[in-house]
């Protein structure tokens, strides 16, 4: 069973909207995977790619956890 990840900024368990993998070593290997919740991503900004690592391999957004707004809202959001 997997546990919910914690937001790196606020420390709360969350449905993350952003992720980052921190690499270390002479031959960079993944060391740690960190996340941000929607509130912290909006308030503090997005993760920045790690120097020397391709941006698409370093950090990104998890769109399946982002809330829809405007006319695209799902019906269950209204209930």
Protein backbone atom coordinates (compact mmCIF):
# COMPACT_ATOMS: atom_id res chain seq x y z
CA UNK A 1 0.00 0.00 0.00
CA UNK A 2 1.34 3.43 -0.93
CA UNK A 3 1.04 6.40 1.39
CA UNK A 4 0.14 9.92 0.30
CA UNK A 5 3.19 12.10 -0.24
CA UNK A 6 3.93 15.16 1.88
CA UNK A 7 4.25 18.65 0.45
CA UNK A 8 7.88 19.80 0.65
CA UNK A 9 6.87 23.35 1.64
CA UNK A 10 4.01 22.97 4.17
CA UNK A 11 4.60 19.36 5.30
CA UNK A 12 0.96 18.32 4.89
CA UNK A 13 -0.11 15.07 3.24
CA UNK A 14 -1.58 16.02 -0.13
CA UNK A 15 -2.50 15.20 -3.70
CA UNK A 16 0.59 16.78 -5.25
CA UNK A 17 0.45 18.93 -8.38
CA UNK A 18 4.23 19.23 -8.87
CA UNK A 19 7.17 16.85 -8.48
CA UNK A 20 10.96 17.06 -8.49
CA UNK A 21 13.64 14.38 -8.42
CA UNK A 22 16.89 15.37 -6.72
CA UNK A 23 19.96 13.73 -8.27
CA UNK A 24 23.38 13.32 -6.65
CA UNK A 25 26.72 11.66 -7.27
CA UNK A 26 29.46 11.83 -9.91
CA UNK A 27 27.19 9.86 -12.22
CA UNK A 28 23.89 11.44 -11.21
CA UNK A 29 21.44 8.97 -9.73
CA UNK A 30 18.01 9.76 -8.26
CA UNK A 31 18.33 10.37 -4.53
CA UNK A 32 14.97 11.81 -3.46
CA UNK A 33 11.56 12.61 -4.95
CA UNK A 34 9.75 15.65 -3.54
CA UNK A 35 6.29 17.14 -4.13
CA UNK A 36 4.28 20.37 -3.79
CA UNK A 37 0.58 20.78 -3.09
CA UNK A 38 -1.53 23.17 -5.19
CA UNK A 39 -1.58 25.91 -2.54
CA UNK A 40 2.20 25.94 -2.07
CA UNK A 41 2.87 25.76 -5.81
CA UNK A 42 0.65 28.81 -6.30
CA UNK A 43 2.06 30.70 -3.32
CA UNK A 44 5.78 29.79 -3.62
CA UNK A 45 6.13 29.07 -7.33
CA UNK A 46 7.15 25.96 -9.22
CA UNK A 47 10.20 23.79 -8.69
CA UNK A 48 13.26 24.84 -10.70
CA UNK A 49 15.15 22.17 -12.71
CA UNK A 50 18.37 20.92 -11.17
CA UNK A 51 21.52 22.16 -12.88
CA UNK A 52 23.04 19.59 -15.25
CA UNK A 53 19.84 17.50 -15.48
CA UNK A 54 17.38 17.69 -18.38
CA UNK A 55 14.39 19.76 -17.19
CA UNK A 56 11.87 17.08 -18.24
CA UNK A 57 13.75 14.53 -16.10
CA UNK A 58 14.17 16.86 -13.14
CA UNK A 59 10.73 18.33 -12.37
CA UNK A 60 7.21 18.80 -13.72
CA UNK A 61 3.47 19.10 -13.08
CA UNK A 62 0.98 16.34 -12.29
CA UNK A 63 -2.06 17.52 -14.23
CA UNK A 64 -4.32 14.68 -13.04
CA UNK A 65 -4.29 16.21 -9.52
CA UNK A 66 -4.88 19.82 -10.57
CA UNK A 67 -8.38 21.18 -9.94
CA UNK A 68 -10.32 22.24 -13.00
CA UNK A 69 -11.78 25.72 -12.99
CA UNK A 70 -14.22 27.59 -15.19
CA UNK A 71 -16.51 25.86 -17.69
CA UNK A 72 -14.43 22.64 -17.65
CA UNK A 73 -15.29 21.82 -14.01
CA UNK A 74 -16.40 18.27 -13.41
CA UNK A 75 -19.92 17.61 -12.22
CA UNK A 76 -18.71 16.07 -8.93
CA UNK A 77 -16.95 19.36 -8.06
CA UNK A 78 -20.37 21.04 -7.85
CA UNK A 79 -21.81 18.53 -5.37
